[in-house]
Protein backbone atom coordinates (compact mmCIF):
# COMPACT_ATOMS: atom_id res chain seq x y z
CA MET A 1 34.32 5.72 10.22
CA ARG A 2 30.80 4.98 10.08
CA GLY A 3 30.22 7.10 6.91
CA ALA A 4 33.00 5.15 5.33
CA ASN A 5 31.19 1.92 6.19
CA GLU A 6 27.97 3.03 4.83
CA LEU A 7 29.58 4.25 1.46
CA MET A 8 31.22 0.69 1.19
CA ARG A 9 27.71 -0.89 1.63
CA TRP A 10 26.22 1.13 -0.97
CA LEU A 11 29.20 0.32 -3.33
CA ARG A 12 28.72 -3.25 -2.57
CA GLY A 13 24.97 -3.18 -3.06
CA TRP A 14 25.05 -1.60 -6.57
CA PRO A 15 23.62 -4.71 -8.14
CA GLY A 16 20.62 -4.88 -5.90
CA LEU A 17 20.13 -1.15 -6.29
CA ALA A 18 20.10 -1.31 -10.03
CA PHE A 19 17.86 -4.30 -9.94
CA CYS A 20 15.39 -2.51 -7.66
CA ALA A 21 15.77 0.82 -9.75
CA ALA A 22 14.63 -1.47 -12.82
CA LEU A 23 11.67 -2.80 -10.92
CA GLY A 24 10.69 0.96 -9.98
CA LEU A 25 11.03 2.12 -13.68
CA LEU A 26 9.01 -0.56 -15.06
CA SER A 27 6.26 -0.06 -12.43
CA VAL A 28 6.14 3.64 -13.17
CA TRP A 29 5.89 2.98 -16.69
CA LEU A 30 3.20 0.34 -16.28
CA ALA A 31 1.27 2.60 -13.91
CA GLY A 32 1.25 5.35 -16.52
CA MET A 33 -0.60 3.25 -19.01
CA PRO A 34 -4.21 4.50 -19.59
CA VAL A 35 -6.10 1.57 -18.55
CA LEU A 36 -4.37 1.50 -14.98
CA GLN A 37 -3.98 5.25 -14.71
CA SER A 38 -7.80 5.73 -15.26
CA HIS A 39 -8.45 3.25 -12.43
CA GLY A 40 -6.23 4.93 -9.86
CA ILE A 41 -3.56 2.37 -9.83
CA SER A 42 -0.50 3.92 -8.53
CA PRO A 43 3.03 2.92 -9.34
CA LEU A 44 3.37 1.51 -5.66
CA THR A 45 0.64 -0.70 -6.30
CA VAL A 46 2.16 -2.07 -9.52
CA ALA A 47 5.61 -2.20 -7.76
CA ILE A 48 4.65 -4.72 -5.13
CA VAL A 49 2.95 -6.84 -7.53
CA VAL A 50 5.86 -6.82 -9.64
CA GLY A 51 8.25 -7.42 -6.96
CA MET A 52 6.04 -10.44 -5.66
CA LEU A 53 6.00 -11.96 -9.02
CA VAL A 54 9.86 -11.83 -9.24
CA GLY A 55 10.14 -12.74 -5.78
CA ASN A 56 8.36 -15.91 -6.30
CA THR A 57 9.79 -16.96 -9.46
CA PHE A 58 13.67 -16.62 -10.08
CA TYR A 59 14.70 -14.16 -7.37
CA ALA A 60 16.24 -17.00 -5.29
CA ARG A 61 18.84 -17.55 -7.91
CA ILE A 62 20.15 -13.97 -7.89
CA ALA A 63 19.43 -13.13 -4.21
CA PRO A 64 23.03 -13.60 -3.14
CA THR A 65 24.06 -11.07 -5.61
CA VAL A 66 21.48 -8.42 -5.29
CA GLY A 67 20.21 -8.98 -1.67
CA GLY A 68 22.39 -6.24 -0.27
CA GLY A 69 20.93 -3.45 -2.40
CA VAL A 70 17.58 -4.90 -2.06
CA ALA A 71 17.86 -4.30 1.91
CA ILE A 72 19.06 -0.68 1.05
CA SER A 73 16.19 -0.05 -0.92
CA ARG A 74 13.92 -1.08 1.78
CA GLN A 75 15.33 0.93 4.33
CA THR A 76 17.40 4.05 2.89
CA ILE A 77 15.67 4.51 -0.33
CA LEU A 78 12.34 4.31 1.32
CA ARG A 79 13.22 7.24 3.66
CA LEU A 80 14.28 9.26 1.02
CA GLY A 81 11.22 8.76 -1.04
CA VAL A 82 9.07 9.59 2.19
CA VAL A 83 11.07 12.79 2.38
CA LEU A 84 10.46 13.79 -1.17
CA TYR A 85 6.86 12.99 -0.91
CA GLY A 86 6.71 16.09 1.19
CA PHE A 87 7.28 18.15 -1.88
CA ARG A 88 3.68 17.26 -2.91
CA LEU A 89 2.42 19.46 0.01
CA THR A 90 2.03 22.99 1.09
CA LEU A 91 1.05 24.92 4.04
CA GLN A 92 -1.52 26.72 1.62
CA ASP A 93 -3.25 23.54 1.07
CA VAL A 94 -4.13 23.51 4.70
CA VAL A 95 -5.73 27.02 4.43
CA ARG A 96 -7.53 25.97 1.50
CA VAL A 97 -9.25 23.04 3.26
CA GLY A 98 -10.10 25.30 6.15
CA TRP A 99 -10.20 24.44 9.77
CA VAL A 100 -13.32 22.37 9.09
CA GLY A 101 -11.39 20.06 6.81
CA VAL A 102 -8.52 19.94 9.06
CA LEU A 103 -10.42 18.79 12.13
CA ILE A 104 -12.29 16.24 9.90
CA ASP A 105 -8.89 14.93 8.79
CA LEU A 106 -7.42 14.90 12.18
CA VAL A 107 -10.53 12.98 13.73
CA MET A 108 -10.50 10.51 10.93
CA LEU A 109 -6.87 9.73 11.17
CA ALA A 110 -6.98 9.34 15.00
CA SER A 111 -10.24 7.31 14.94
CA THR A 112 -9.30 5.00 12.12
CA PHE A 113 -5.72 4.10 13.51
CA LEU A 114 -7.36 3.67 17.15
CA ILE A 115 -10.22 1.39 15.69
CA ALA A 116 -7.68 -0.79 13.81
CA TYR A 117 -5.30 -1.12 16.68
CA HIS A 118 -8.12 -2.11 19.19
CA VAL A 119 -10.19 -4.13 16.86
CA GLY A 120 -6.99 -6.02 15.55
CA THR A 121 -5.27 -7.05 18.91
CA ARG A 122 -8.49 -7.44 21.03
CA LEU A 123 -11.16 -8.85 18.82
CA LEU A 124 -9.35 -10.64 16.18
CA LYS A 125 -6.34 -11.54 18.20
CA LEU A 126 -3.87 -10.01 15.53
CA ASP A 127 -0.33 -9.17 16.34
CA ARG A 128 -0.10 -5.42 17.18
CA THR A 129 2.49 -4.93 14.42
CA SER A 130 0.05 -6.02 11.64
CA SER A 131 -2.74 -3.99 13.34
CA MET A 132 -0.63 -0.84 13.29
CA LEU A 133 0.43 -1.21 9.74
CA VAL A 134 -3.15 -1.71 8.58
CA GLY A 135 -4.36 1.15 10.76
CA ALA A 136 -1.72 3.50 9.40
CA GLY A 137 -2.49 2.52 5.66
CA GLY A 138 -6.29 3.41 6.22
CA ALA A 139 -5.80 6.39 8.30
CA ILE A 140 -3.31 8.37 6.17
CA CYS A 141 -2.28 7.54 2.77
CA GLY A 142 -2.21 3.99 1.78
CA ALA A 143 0.81 2.27 0.69
CA ALA A 144 3.08 5.14 1.45
CA ALA A 145 1.98 5.41 5.07
CA VAL A 146 2.57 1.51 5.46
CA LEU A 147 6.04 2.04 4.31
CA ALA A 148 6.70 5.14 6.52
CA THR A 149 5.27 3.26 9.57
CA ASP A 150 7.20 0.08 9.07
CA PRO A 151 10.66 1.29 10.13
CA ILE A 152 8.92 2.15 13.55
CA VAL A 153 7.06 -1.08 14.14
CA ARG A 154 9.73 -3.18 12.35
CA GLY A 155 7.24 -5.37 10.40
CA LYS A 156 8.00 -8.46 8.48
CA PRO A 157 7.79 -8.47 4.81
CA GLU A 158 4.70 -10.39 4.72
CA GLN A 159 2.92 -8.16 7.33
CA VAL A 160 3.72 -5.01 5.33
CA SER A 161 2.53 -6.60 2.14
CA VAL A 162 -0.95 -7.93 3.75
CA ALA A 163 -1.42 -4.13 4.84
CA VAL A 164 -0.52 -3.03 1.27
CA ALA A 165 -2.96 -5.52 -0.15
CA GLY A 166 -5.83 -4.41 2.18
CA VAL A 167 -5.27 -0.79 0.75
CA VAL A 168 -5.09 -1.84 -2.82
CA ILE A 169 -8.23 -4.09 -2.65
CA PHE A 170 -10.64 -1.75 -0.45
CA GLY A 171 -9.14 1.43 -1.95
CA SER A 172 -10.13 0.16 -5.45
CA ILE A 173 -13.60 -0.66 -4.14
CA SER A 174 -13.84 2.83 -2.96
CA MET A 175 -13.16 4.42 -6.28
CA PHE A 176 -16.47 2.81 -7.69
CA LEU A 177 -18.34 3.14 -4.37
CA TYR A 178 -18.07 6.78 -3.62
CA PRO A 179 -19.45 8.05 -7.13
CA LEU A 180 -22.56 5.88 -6.21
CA LEU A 181 -22.59 7.36 -2.72
CA ALA A 182 -22.35 10.99 -4.26
CA GLY A 183 -25.70 10.33 -6.24
CA LEU A 184 -27.36 9.04 -2.98
CA ASN A 185 -26.09 12.01 -1.07
CA GLU A 186 -28.00 14.36 -3.64
CA LEU A 187 -31.22 12.65 -2.52
CA TRP A 188 -30.65 12.24 1.05
CA HIS A 189 -28.05 14.95 2.21
CA VAL A 190 -26.38 12.98 4.55
CA ILE A 191 -23.28 15.22 4.21
CA PRO A 192 -24.48 18.86 3.80
CA GLY A 193 -22.45 21.43 1.87
CA GLY A 194 -22.96 20.24 -1.71
CA PRO A 195 -20.29 18.65 -4.00
CA ALA A 196 -17.29 20.43 -2.36
CA GLN A 197 -18.09 18.96 1.00
CA PHE A 198 -18.55 15.66 -0.54
CA GLY A 199 -15.14 16.00 -1.94
CA ILE A 200 -13.81 16.56 1.77
CA TYR A 201 -15.37 13.15 2.71
CA ILE A 202 -13.63 11.48 -0.34
CA GLY A 203 -10.44 13.02 0.86
CA SER A 204 -10.71 12.31 4.36
CA SER A 205 -11.80 8.68 4.00
CA VAL A 206 -10.43 7.08 0.88
CA HIS A 207 -6.88 5.27 1.21
CA GLU A 208 -4.52 6.43 -1.71
CA VAL A 209 -3.88 9.53 -3.25
CA ALA A 210 -4.43 7.99 -6.79
CA GLN A 211 -7.64 6.61 -5.53
CA VAL A 212 -8.89 10.00 -4.23
CA VAL A 213 -8.18 11.71 -7.56
CA ALA A 214 -10.02 8.92 -9.49
CA ALA A 215 -13.02 8.86 -7.26
CA GLY A 216 -13.17 12.89 -6.84
CA ARG A 217 -13.04 13.03 -10.80
CA GLN A 218 -15.88 10.71 -11.33
CA VAL A 219 -17.96 12.63 -8.86
CA GLY A 220 -17.24 16.04 -10.73
CA PRO A 221 -14.93 18.75 -10.78
CA GLU A 222 -16.53 20.72 -7.68
CA ALA A 223 -15.63 17.74 -5.68
CA ALA A 224 -12.23 16.72 -7.28
CA GLY A 225 -10.53 19.88 -5.97
CA PRO A 226 -11.60 19.66 -2.27
CA ALA A 227 -10.97 15.78 -2.33
CA VAL A 228 -7.41 16.09 -3.38
CA ILE A 229 -6.54 18.94 -0.87
CA ALA A 230 -8.20 17.27 1.87
CA LYS A 231 -6.20 14.22 1.23
CA MET A 232 -3.01 16.22 1.21
CA VAL A 233 -3.57 17.70 4.30
CA ARG A 234 -4.29 14.19 5.61
CA VAL A 235 -0.69 13.22 4.16
CA LEU A 236 0.86 16.13 5.93
CA MET A 237 -0.50 14.70 9.26
CA MET A 238 1.75 11.67 8.67
CA ALA A 239 4.87 13.33 10.33
CA PRO A 240 3.28 14.16 13.62
CA PHE A 241 1.74 10.58 13.55
CA LEU A 242 5.03 8.90 13.24
CA VAL A 243 6.68 10.97 15.87
CA VAL A 244 3.81 9.99 18.32
CA LEU A 245 3.75 6.38 17.22
CA ALA A 246 7.37 6.09 17.75
CA ALA A 247 6.96 7.59 21.29
CA TRP A 248 4.23 5.02 21.90
CA VAL A 249 6.36 2.13 20.81
CA ARG A 250 9.16 3.09 22.75
CA ALA A 251 6.98 3.74 25.93
CA SER A 252 5.17 0.24 25.69
CA ALA A 253 8.70 -1.49 25.19
CA ALA A 254 9.74 0.34 28.32
CA ARG A 255 7.04 -1.14 30.29
CA ALA A 256 7.45 -4.56 28.93
CA ALA A 257 11.21 -4.65 29.36
CA PRO A 258 12.75 -5.93 32.55
CA ALA A 259 14.60 -3.48 34.68
CA GLY A 260 17.83 -2.51 33.33
CA GLY A 261 17.13 -4.31 30.01
CA GLY A 262 17.75 -2.13 27.28
CA ALA A 263 14.73 -3.10 24.95
CA ALA A 264 13.19 0.37 25.03
CA GLY A 265 16.41 1.79 23.56
CA ARG A 266 16.18 -0.50 20.60
CA ALA A 267 12.41 -0.33 20.20
CA ALA A 268 11.70 2.72 18.30
CA ALA A 269 13.97 5.86 17.77
CA VAL A 270 11.91 9.02 16.74
CA PRO A 271 12.14 8.85 13.01
CA ALA A 272 14.44 11.66 11.87
CA PHE A 273 13.09 11.48 8.22
CA ALA A 274 9.67 12.61 9.55
CA PHE A 275 11.30 15.90 10.64
CA VAL A 276 12.78 16.15 7.16
CA PHE A 277 9.48 15.38 5.56
CA VAL A 278 8.14 18.43 7.44
CA GLY A 279 10.96 20.55 6.18
CA ALA A 280 10.25 19.60 2.66
CA VAL A 281 6.74 20.58 2.99
CA LEU A 282 7.71 24.00 4.71
CA PHE A 283 10.38 24.73 1.95
CA ASN A 284 7.85 23.82 -0.71
CA SER A 285 5.43 26.21 0.80
CA LEU A 286 7.75 29.16 0.31
CA GLY A 287 7.10 28.87 -3.48
CA TRP A 288 10.92 29.38 -4.38
CA LEU A 289 11.23 26.39 -6.81
CA PRO A 290 9.69 26.40 -10.28
CA LEU A 291 6.47 24.16 -10.68
CA SER A 292 8.50 21.94 -13.24
CA LEU A 293 11.40 21.29 -10.85
CA VAL A 294 8.79 20.47 -7.90
CA ALA A 295 6.87 18.26 -10.58
CA SER A 296 10.32 16.35 -11.30
CA ILE A 297 10.98 16.02 -7.51
CA ASN A 298 7.48 14.40 -7.05
CA GLN A 299 8.40 11.91 -9.74
CA VAL A 300 11.61 11.02 -8.32
CA GLY A 301 9.93 10.66 -4.81
CA ILE A 302 7.44 8.35 -6.47
CA PHE A 303 10.08 6.20 -8.17
CA LEU A 304 12.05 5.98 -4.97
CA LEU A 305 9.00 4.47 -3.17
CA ALA A 306 8.54 2.42 -6.07
CA MET A 307 11.91 0.87 -5.68
CA ALA A 308 11.15 0.42 -1.96
CA MET A 309 7.80 -1.31 -2.63
CA GLY A 310 9.58 -3.45 -5.11
CA ALA A 311 12.23 -4.59 -2.77
CA LEU A 312 9.30 -5.24 -0.28
CA GLY A 313 7.78 -7.52 -3.01
CA LEU A 314 10.96 -9.35 -3.62
CA SER A 315 10.93 -10.63 0.22
CA THR A 316 7.35 -11.58 0.41
CA HIS A 317 6.56 -15.35 -0.49
CA PHE A 318 3.10 -16.22 -1.43
CA GLY A 319 2.79 -19.19 0.97
CA THR A 320 3.96 -16.73 3.91
CA LEU A 321 1.39 -14.11 2.69
CA ARG A 322 -1.48 -16.82 2.74
CA ARG A 323 -0.68 -17.97 6.04
CA ALA A 324 -0.44 -14.21 7.53
CA GLY A 325 -3.05 -12.56 5.62
CA GLY A 326 -6.54 -13.88 6.86
CA LYS A 327 -7.06 -11.79 10.00
CA ALA A 328 -5.23 -8.57 8.53
CA MET A 329 -7.40 -8.78 5.61
CA LEU A 330 -10.68 -8.92 7.85
CA LEU A 331 -9.11 -6.04 9.61
CA SER A 332 -8.76 -4.23 6.59
CA PHE A 333 -12.38 -4.70 5.80
CA VAL A 334 -13.61 -3.50 9.32
CA VAL A 335 -11.24 -0.09 8.50
CA PHE A 336 -12.86 0.24 5.11
CA LEU A 337 -16.31 -0.07 6.79
CA TRP A 338 -15.28 2.62 9.30
CA LEU A 339 -13.82 4.87 6.50
CA VAL A 340 -17.10 4.77 4.58
CA ILE A 341 -19.67 4.86 7.32
CA GLY A 342 -17.88 6.38 10.15
CA GLY A 343 -16.26 8.94 7.65
CA ALA A 344 -19.71 9.85 6.60
CA LEU A 345 -20.85 10.66 10.28
CA VAL A 346 -17.85 12.48 11.30
CA ASN A 347 -18.14 14.63 8.05
CA ARG A 348 -21.80 15.17 8.67
CA THR A 349 -21.52 16.00 12.43
CA ILE A 350 -18.32 18.27 12.16
CA THR A 351 -19.90 20.13 9.28
CA LEU A 352 -23.26 20.67 11.00
CA LEU A 353 -21.55 21.70 14.25
CA ALA A 354 -19.44 24.27 12.18
CA HIS A 355 -22.30 25.96 10.52
């Protein structure tokens, strides 16, 4: 019965699904333009901008027709996109980056999220949902991590959009900053180990995959490879992060709920799509699929995430974003400072201890 109801929901939502698919295709096409591609602007970034432009102009007139499909895109399509994101990764990536790189990624993920949460909730008096979304975006893989975290913390569209905006702004700054830092590192050797180790610094501290690629290429080929691998290992950590976060949110809700209340059960189920994401990584690690098919799966995954990001943009109004954004953007700046400065200290310390 539930399956039949879900099928009917999809059938009724086809106009909205088609509309979000059009936004996703447009975003992928725009992001493929040389001027955007060279600056590491991902389809997800383009999709939320396009979605917000539409959402704040004529969307209200068509919302009754397409609203159902837009909701499906923000929920189910999002989860499918995250699962397919797993086909970008293999366990061989973990081996290539070595235990030092894995440890650096793990320390950066945990420290970035915890700093964002505590600075946001305690110092800035920001709501915990926004603090978690900003922390996830900085800690793991930018917009994709924000979207993957949203089903657990159940953020409002404007909270998610502000977190993504921080990723876009400060991640874009990173693409120009890190090549300058690489030149300084050649003089001062803050991060020992040469360009390859500096690449791990990039991969462990820059927000988006596309931004890591852009920054790594500007530093040089010896840094670009390790940067991407370190970033992919950081992305792989998204699944255990989501499981731990869901348990944390559930435990917090249980403590806050009155005895016999049921809020804990509604708070945050362990996300099944996180386990399927891991399954995709493990299956991809077997090497059974042709590289051309894996590349096509990756394209489909990005398209689905662009659909979800476009749907999010449709629900985000500029006025609400303005009211919600001040403290969250300040928190994004704090996270950015930690990623750059704290990331350098973590990379230096662990590298020196390992050798």
